Amino acid sequence: MINLHQKYNHYLKTDKILDEGGVHEKVITYGWTDDGKELTGYYVLTECHALYYNLKEELIDKENRCPTGTRR
């Protein structure tokens, strides 16, 4: 099982910037995704993006969370 705390918590406590999936931003939060019965992956929310990964740690989707015109 992936240890999200070990993988991403240091981004929350420092000024360290995530540089994954074409995103170079500060991490806001992270957590698990599920289908109602079992875990399907995890997400990482940055200042302007939501990154979605499967349990093989492969990026499967990236969404822009910033309003139009404020994208970084």
PDB file of N, CA and C in Angstrom:
ATOM      1  N   MET A   1       0.849  -1.190   0.000  1.00  0.00           N
ATOM      2  CA  MET A   1       0.000   0.000   0.000  1.00  0.00           C
ATOM      3  C   MET A   1       0.888   1.245   0.000  1.00  0.00           C
ATOM      4  N   ILE A   2       0.460   2.239  -0.703  1.00  0.00           N
ATOM      5  CA  ILE A   2       1.174   3.512  -0.800  1.00  0.00           C
ATOM      6  C   ILE A   2       1.002   4.281   0.517  1.00  0.00           C
ATOM      7  N   ASN A   3       2.063   4.833   1.039  1.00  0.00           N
ATOM      8  CA  ASN A   3       2.005   5.639   2.250  1.00  0.00           C
ATOM      9  C   ASN A   3       1.944   7.110   1.828  1.00  0.00           C
ATOM     10  N   LEU A   4       0.721   7.639   1.705  1.00  0.00           N
ATOM     11  CA  LEU A   4       0.549   9.023   1.244  1.00  0.00           C
ATOM     12  C   LEU A   4       1.177  10.020   2.210  1.00  0.00           C
ATOM     13  N   HIS A   5       1.082   9.738   3.487  1.00  0.00           N
ATOM     14  CA  HIS A   5       1.667  10.644   4.481  1.00  0.00           C
ATOM     15  C   HIS A   5       3.169  10.776   4.255  1.00  0.00           C
ATOM     16  N   GLN A   6       3.830   9.648   4.051  1.00  0.00           N
ATOM     17  CA  GLN A   6       5.275   9.658   3.819  1.00  0.00           C
ATOM     18  C   GLN A   6       5.607  10.336   2.482  1.00  0.00           C
ATOM     19  N   LYS A   7       4.767  10.142   1.489  1.00  0.00           N
ATOM     20  CA  LYS A   7       5.035  10.651   0.148  1.00  0.00           C
ATOM     21  C   LYS A   7       4.763  12.152   0.004  1.00  0.00           C
ATOM     22  N   TYR A   8       3.716  12.682   0.679  1.00  0.00           N
ATOM     23  CA  TYR A   8       3.297  14.059   0.437  1.00  0.00           C
ATOM     24  C   TYR A   8       3.265  14.984   1.645  1.00  0.00           C
ATOM     25  N   ASN A   9       3.312  14.478   2.862  1.00  0.00           N
ATOM     26  CA  ASN A   9       3.162  15.349   4.027  1.00  0.00           C
ATOM     27  C   ASN A   9       4.225  16.440   4.103  1.00  0.00           C
ATOM     28  N   HIS A  10       5.458  16.144   3.692  1.00  0.00           N
ATOM     29  CA  HIS A  10       6.517  17.153   3.767  1.00  0.00           C
ATOM     30  C   HIS A  10       6.223  18.353   2.856  1.00  0.00           C
ATOM     31  N   TYR A  11       5.373  18.185   1.850  1.00  0.00           N
ATOM     32  CA  TYR A  11       4.973  19.316   1.012  1.00  0.00           C
ATOM     33  C   TYR A  11       4.072  20.286   1.786  1.00  0.00           C
ATOM     34  N   LEU A  12       3.334  19.778   2.760  1.00  0.00           N
ATOM     35  CA  LEU A  12       2.423  20.619   3.538  1.00  0.00           C
ATOM     36  C   LEU A  12       3.150  21.433   4.601  1.00  0.00           C
ATOM     37  N   LYS A  13       4.257  20.934   5.098  1.00  0.00           N
ATOM     38  CA  LYS A  13       4.960  21.553   6.217  1.00  0.00           C
ATOM     39  C   LYS A  13       6.111  22.468   5.796  1.00  0.00           C
ATOM     40  N   THR A  14       6.410  22.521   4.506  1.00  0.00           N
ATOM     41  CA  THR A  14       7.526  23.320   4.007  1.00  0.00           C
ATOM     42  C   THR A  14       7.097  24.149   2.803  1.00  0.00           C
ATOM     43  N   ASP A  15       8.023  24.884   2.239  1.00  0.00           N
ATOM     44  CA  ASP A  15       7.752  25.642   1.011  1.00  0.00           C
ATOM     45  C   ASP A  15       8.078  24.826  -0.243  1.00  0.00           C
ATOM     46  N   LYS A  16       8.310  23.526  -0.061  1.00  0.00           N
ATOM     47  CA  LYS A  16       8.651  22.643  -1.177  1.00  0.00           C
ATOM     48  C   LYS A  16       7.512  22.620  -2.203  1.00  0.00           C
ATOM     49  N   ILE A  17       7.874  22.607  -3.469  1.00  0.00           N
ATOM     50  CA  ILE A  17       6.918  22.654  -4.577  1.00  0.00           C
ATOM     51  C   ILE A  17       6.843  21.281  -5.244  1.00  0.00           C
ATOM     52  N   LEU A  18       5.622  20.813  -5.521  1.00  0.00           N
ATOM     53  CA  LEU A  18       5.420  19.575  -6.259  1.00  0.00           C
ATOM     54  C   LEU A  18       5.738  19.818  -7.724  1.00  0.00           C
ATOM     55  N   ASP A  19       6.466  18.917  -8.336  1.00  0.00           N
ATOM     56  CA  ASP A  19       6.794  19.015  -9.756  1.00  0.00           C
ATOM     57  C   ASP A  19       6.479  17.666 -10.403  1.00  0.00           C
ATOM     58  N   GLU A  20       5.189  17.438 -10.654  1.00  0.00           N
ATOM     59  CA  GLU A  20       4.705  16.187 -11.238  1.00  0.00           C
ATOM     60  C   GLU A  20       3.607  16.489 -12.240  1.00  0.00           C
ATOM     61  N   GLY A  21       3.512  15.697 -13.264  1.00  0.00           N
ATOM     62  CA  GLY A  21       2.411  15.816 -14.216  1.00  0.00           C
ATOM     63  C   GLY A  21       2.319  17.173 -14.879  1.00  0.00           C
ATOM     64  N   GLY A  22       3.444  17.854 -15.037  1.00  0.00           N
ATOM     65  CA  GLY A  22       3.420  19.179 -15.644  1.00  0.00           C
ATOM     66  C   GLY A  22       2.954  20.273 -14.702  1.00  0.00           C
ATOM     67  N   VAL A  23       2.829  19.971 -13.431  1.00  0.00           N
ATOM     68  CA  VAL A  23       2.388  20.925 -12.416  1.00  0.00           C
ATOM     69  C   VAL A  23       3.581  21.270 -11.538  1.00  0.00           C
ATOM     70  N   HIS A  24       3.777  22.552 -11.309  1.00  0.00           N
ATOM     71  CA  HIS A  24       4.868  23.035 -10.456  1.00  0.00           C
ATOM     72  C   HIS A  24       4.238  24.010  -9.460  1.00  0.00           C
ATOM     73  N   GLU A  25       3.615  23.457  -8.400  1.00  0.00           N
ATOM     74  CA  GLU A  25       2.833  24.265  -7.453  1.00  0.00           C
ATOM     75  C   GLU A  25       2.928  23.689  -6.044  1.00  0.00           C
ATOM     76  N   LYS A  26       2.495  24.477  -5.083  1.00  0.00           N
ATOM     77  CA  LYS A  26       2.442  24.064  -3.683  1.00  0.00           C
ATOM     78  C   LYS A  26       1.267  23.102  -3.476  1.00  0.00           C
ATOM     79  N   VAL A  27       1.491  22.049  -2.693  1.00  0.00           N
ATOM     80  CA  VAL A  27       0.445  21.077  -2.371  1.00  0.00           C
ATOM     81  C   VAL A  27      -0.458  21.644  -1.276  1.00  0.00           C
ATOM     82  N   ILE A  28      -1.765  21.510  -1.466  1.00  0.00           N
ATOM     83  CA  ILE A  28      -2.756  21.967  -0.488  1.00  0.00           C
ATOM     84  C   ILE A  28      -3.209  20.797   0.390  1.00  0.00           C
ATOM     85  N   THR A  29      -3.520  19.665  -0.240  1.00  0.00           N
ATOM     86  CA  THR A  29      -3.946  18.468   0.494  1.00  0.00           C
ATOM     87  C   THR A  29      -3.823  17.249  -0.415  1.00  0.00           C
ATOM     88  N   TYR A  30      -4.063  16.076   0.146  1.00  0.00           N
ATOM     89  CA  TYR A  30      -4.031  14.825  -0.603  1.00  0.00           C
ATOM     90  C   TYR A  30      -4.934  13.824   0.110  1.00  0.00           C
ATOM     91  N   GLY A  31      -5.331  12.778  -0.586  1.00  0.00           N
ATOM     92  CA  GLY A  31      -6.181  11.760   0.036  1.00  0.00           C
ATOM     93  C   GLY A  31      -6.486  10.625  -0.921  1.00  0.00           C
ATOM     94  N   TRP A  32      -7.323   9.719  -0.455  1.00  0.00           N
ATOM     95  CA  TRP A  32      -7.661   8.517  -1.206  1.00  0.00           C
ATOM     96  C   TRP A  32      -8.912   8.712  -2.046  1.00  0.00           C
ATOM     97  N   THR A  33      -9.006   7.972  -3.155  1.00  0.00           N
ATOM     98  CA  THR A  33     -10.230   7.890  -3.947  1.00  0.00           C
ATOM     99  C   THR A  33     -10.741   6.451  -3.845  1.00  0.00           C
ATOM    100  N   ASP A  34     -12.061   6.286  -3.986  1.00  0.00           N
ATOM    101  CA  ASP A  34     -12.642   4.948  -3.907  1.00  0.00           C
ATOM    102  C   ASP A  34     -13.866   4.859  -4.791  1.00  0.00           C
ATOM    103  N   ASP A  35     -14.356   3.655  -4.959  1.00  0.00           N
ATOM    104  CA  ASP A  35     -15.556   3.419  -5.766  1.00  0.00           C
ATOM    105  C   ASP A  35     -16.755   3.058  -4.899  1.00  0.00           C
ATOM    106  N   GLY A  36     -16.653   3.295  -3.611  1.00  0.00           N
ATOM    107  CA  GLY A  36     -17.715   2.955  -2.672  1.00  0.00           C
ATOM    108  C   GLY A  36     -17.497   1.626  -1.976  1.00  0.00           C
ATOM    109  N   LYS A  37     -16.598   0.814  -2.517  1.00  0.00           N
ATOM    110  CA  LYS A  37     -16.312  -0.489  -1.927  1.00  0.00           C
ATOM    111  C   LYS A  37     -14.831  -0.664  -1.601  1.00  0.00           C
ATOM    112  N   GLU A  38     -13.967  -0.129  -2.450  1.00  0.00           N
ATOM    113  CA  GLU A  38     -12.536  -0.288  -2.227  1.00  0.00           C
ATOM    114  C   GLU A  38     -11.775   0.918  -2.759  1.00  0.00           C
ATOM    115  N   LEU A  39     -10.537   1.047  -2.313  1.00  0.00           N
ATOM    116  CA  LEU A  39      -9.690   2.140  -2.782  1.00  0.00           C
ATOM    117  C   LEU A  39      -9.364   1.946  -4.259  1.00  0.00           C
ATOM    118  N   THR A  40      -9.415   3.044  -5.007  1.00  0.00           N
ATOM    119  CA  THR A  40      -9.097   2.980  -6.439  1.00  0.00           C
ATOM    120  C   THR A  40      -7.853   3.790  -6.772  1.00  0.00           C
ATOM    121  N   GLY A  41      -7.441   4.660  -5.859  1.00  0.00           N
ATOM    122  CA  GLY A  41      -6.278   5.496  -6.105  1.00  0.00           C
ATOM    123  C   GLY A  41      -6.196   6.609  -5.088  1.00  0.00           C
ATOM    124  N   TYR A  42      -5.571   7.695  -5.486  1.00  0.00           N
ATOM    125  CA  TYR A  42      -5.438   8.842  -4.595  1.00  0.00           C
ATOM    126  C   TYR A  42      -5.395  10.126  -5.412  1.00  0.00           C
ATOM    127  N   TYR A  43      -5.557  11.257  -4.715  1.00  0.00           N
ATOM    128  CA  TYR A  43      -5.520  12.571  -5.357  1.00  0.00           C
ATOM    129  C   TYR A  43      -4.554  13.474  -4.619  1.00  0.00           C
ATOM    130  N   VAL A  44      -4.063  14.470  -5.333  1.00  0.00           N
ATOM    131  CA  VAL A  44      -3.238  15.522  -4.749  1.00  0.00           C
ATOM    132  C   VAL A  44      -3.804  16.839  -5.258  1.00  0.00           C
ATOM    133  N   LEU A  45      -4.206  17.721  -4.343  1.00  0.00           N
ATOM    134  CA  LEU A  45      -4.687  19.052  -4.717  1.00  0.00           C
ATOM    135  C   LEU A  45      -3.556  20.042  -4.548  1.00  0.00           C
ATOM    136  N   THR A  46      -3.284  20.801  -5.607  1.00  0.00           N
ATOM    137  CA  THR A  46      -2.282  21.861  -5.548  1.00  0.00           C
ATOM    138  C   THR A  46      -3.018  23.190  -5.627  1.00  0.00           C
ATOM    139  N   GLU A  47      -2.278  24.268  -5.720  1.00  0.00           N
ATOM    140  CA  GLU A  47      -2.888  25.595  -5.757  1.00  0.00           C
ATOM    141  C   GLU A  47      -3.911  25.718  -6.880  1.00  0.00           C
ATOM    142  N   CYS A  48      -3.642  25.149  -8.034  1.00  0.00           N
ATOM    143  CA  CYS A  48      -4.559  25.300  -9.170  1.00  0.00           C
ATOM    144  C   CYS A  48      -4.911  24.000  -9.894  1.00  0.00           C
ATOM    145  N   HIS A  49      -4.517  22.856  -9.355  1.00  0.00           N
ATOM    146  CA  HIS A  49      -4.794  21.596 -10.044  1.00  0.00           C
ATOM    147  C   HIS A  49      -5.214  20.495  -9.076  1.00  0.00           C
ATOM    148  N   ALA A  50      -5.942  19.536  -9.623  1.00  0.00           N
ATOM    149  CA  ALA A  50      -6.246  18.285  -8.934  1.00  0.00           C
ATOM    150  C   ALA A  50      -5.620  17.188  -9.773  1.00  0.00           C
ATOM    151  N   LEU A  51      -4.709  16.440  -9.169  1.00  0.00           N
ATOM    152  CA  LEU A  51      -4.035  15.335  -9.847  1.00  0.00           C
ATOM    153  C   LEU A  51      -4.598  14.034  -9.301  1.00  0.00           C
ATOM    154  N   TYR A  52      -4.993  13.133 -10.196  1.00  0.00           N
ATOM    155  CA  TYR A  52      -5.571  11.857  -9.795  1.00  0.00           C
ATOM    156  C   TYR A  52      -4.672  10.716 -10.253  1.00  0.00           C
ATOM    157  N   TYR A  53      -4.379   9.808  -9.333  1.00  0.00           N
ATOM    158  CA  TYR A  53      -3.486   8.681  -9.588  1.00  0.00           C
ATOM    159  C   TYR A  53      -4.200   7.367  -9.293  1.00  0.00           C
ATOM    160  N   ASN A  54      -3.791   6.299  -9.983  1.00  0.00           N
ATOM    161  CA  ASN A  54      -4.300   4.972  -9.644  1.00  0.00           C
ATOM    162  C   ASN A  54      -3.389   4.366  -8.576  1.00  0.00           C
ATOM    163  N   LEU A  55      -3.674   3.150  -8.168  1.00  0.00           N
ATOM    164  CA  LEU A  55      -2.889   2.521  -7.100  1.00  0.00           C
ATOM    165  C   LEU A  55      -1.508   2.077  -7.575  1.00  0.00           C
ATOM    166  N   LYS A  56      -1.244   2.172  -8.870  1.00  0.00           N
ATOM    167  CA  LYS A  56       0.094   1.898  -9.394  1.00  0.00           C
ATOM    168  C   LYS A  56       0.922   3.180  -9.465  1.00  0.00           C
ATOM    169  N   GLU A  57       0.379   4.261  -8.875  1.00  0.00           N
ATOM    170  CA  GLU A  57       1.010   5.581  -8.826  1.00  0.00           C
ATOM    171  C   GLU A  57       1.184   6.202 -10.212  1.00  0.00           C
ATOM    172  N   GLU A  58       0.283   5.864 -11.135  1.00  0.00           N
ATOM    173  CA  GLU A  58       0.285   6.438 -12.479  1.00  0.00           C
ATOM    174  C   GLU A  58      -0.731   7.573 -12.532  1.00  0.00           C
ATOM    175  N   LEU A  59      -0.328   8.711 -13.071  1.00  0.00           N
ATOM    176  CA  LEU A  59      -1.240   9.841 -13.225  1.00  0.00           C
ATOM    177  C   LEU A  59      -2.315   9.464 -14.234  1.00  0.00           C
ATOM    178  N   ILE A  60      -3.593   9.551 -13.834  1.00  0.00           N
ATOM    179  CA  ILE A  60      -4.675   9.189 -14.743  1.00  0.00           C
ATOM    180  C   ILE A  60      -5.535  10.377 -15.158  1.00  0.00           C
ATOM    181  N   ASP A  61      -5.468  11.486 -14.402  1.00  0.00           N
ATOM    182  CA  ASP A  61      -6.244  12.669 -14.759  1.00  0.00           C
ATOM    183  C   ASP A  61      -5.661  13.898 -14.074  1.00  0.00           C
ATOM    184  N   LYS A  62      -5.811  15.036 -14.729  1.00  0.00           N
ATOM    185  CA  LYS A  62      -5.371  16.308 -14.167  1.00  0.00           C
ATOM    186  C   LYS A  62      -6.445  17.336 -14.498  1.00  0.00           C
ATOM    187  N   GLU A  63      -6.953  18.023 -13.483  1.00  0.00           N
ATOM    188  CA  GLU A  63      -7.994  19.040 -13.678  1.00  0.00           C
ATOM    189  C   GLU A  63      -7.486  20.396 -13.201  1.00  0.00           C
ATOM    190  N   ASN A  64      -7.849  21.426 -13.938  1.00  0.00           N
ATOM    191  CA  ASN A  64      -7.536  22.797 -13.533  1.00  0.00           C
ATOM    192  C   ASN A  64      -8.586  23.235 -12.516  1.00  0.00           C
ATOM    193  N   ARG A  65      -8.160  23.716 -11.348  1.00  0.00           N
ATOM    194  CA  ARG A  65      -9.079  24.173 -10.299  1.00  0.00           C
ATOM    195  C   ARG A  65      -9.155  25.692 -10.194  1.00  0.00           C
ATOM    196  N   CYS A  66      -8.338  26.408 -10.961  1.00  0.00           N
ATOM    197  CA  CYS A  66      -8.314  27.861 -10.883  1.00  0.00           C
ATOM    198  C   CYS A  66      -9.344  28.467 -11.832  1.00  0.00           C
ATOM    199  N   PRO A  67      -9.952  29.562 -11.414  1.00  0.00           N
ATOM    200  CA  PRO A  67     -10.865  30.257 -12.334  1.00  0.00           C
ATOM    201  C   PRO A  67     -10.119  30.711 -13.591  1.00  0.00           C
ATOM    202  N   THR A  68     -10.812  30.822 -14.677  1.00  0.00           N
ATOM    203  CA  THR A  68     -10.218  31.273 -15.938  1.00  0.00           C
ATOM    204  C   THR A  68      -9.499  32.596 -15.735  1.00  0.00           C
ATOM    205  N   GLY A  69      -8.309  32.693 -16.279  1.00  0.00           N
ATOM    206  CA  GLY A  69      -7.526  33.922 -16.178  1.00  0.00           C
ATOM    207  C   GLY A  69      -6.563  33.946 -15.014  1.00  0.00           C
ATOM    208  N   THR A  70      -6.695  32.979 -14.088  1.00  0.00           N
ATOM    209  CA  THR A  70      -5.776  32.950 -12.940  1.00  0.00           C
ATOM    210  C   THR A  70      -4.903  31.698 -12.969  1.00  0.00           C
ATOM    211  N   ARG A  71      -4.957  30.987 -14.059  1.00  0.00           N
ATOM    212  CA  ARG A  71      -4.175  29.750 -14.173  1.00  0.00           C
ATOM    213  C   ARG A  71      -2.695  30.043 -14.119  1.00  0.00           C
ATOM    214  N   ARG A  72      -1.957  29.227 -13.399  1.00  0.00           N
ATOM    215  CA  ARG A  72      -0.515  29.408 -13.250  1.00  0.00           C
ATOM    216  C   ARG A  72       0.232  28.603 -14.244  1.00  0.00           C
TER     217      ARG A  72
END
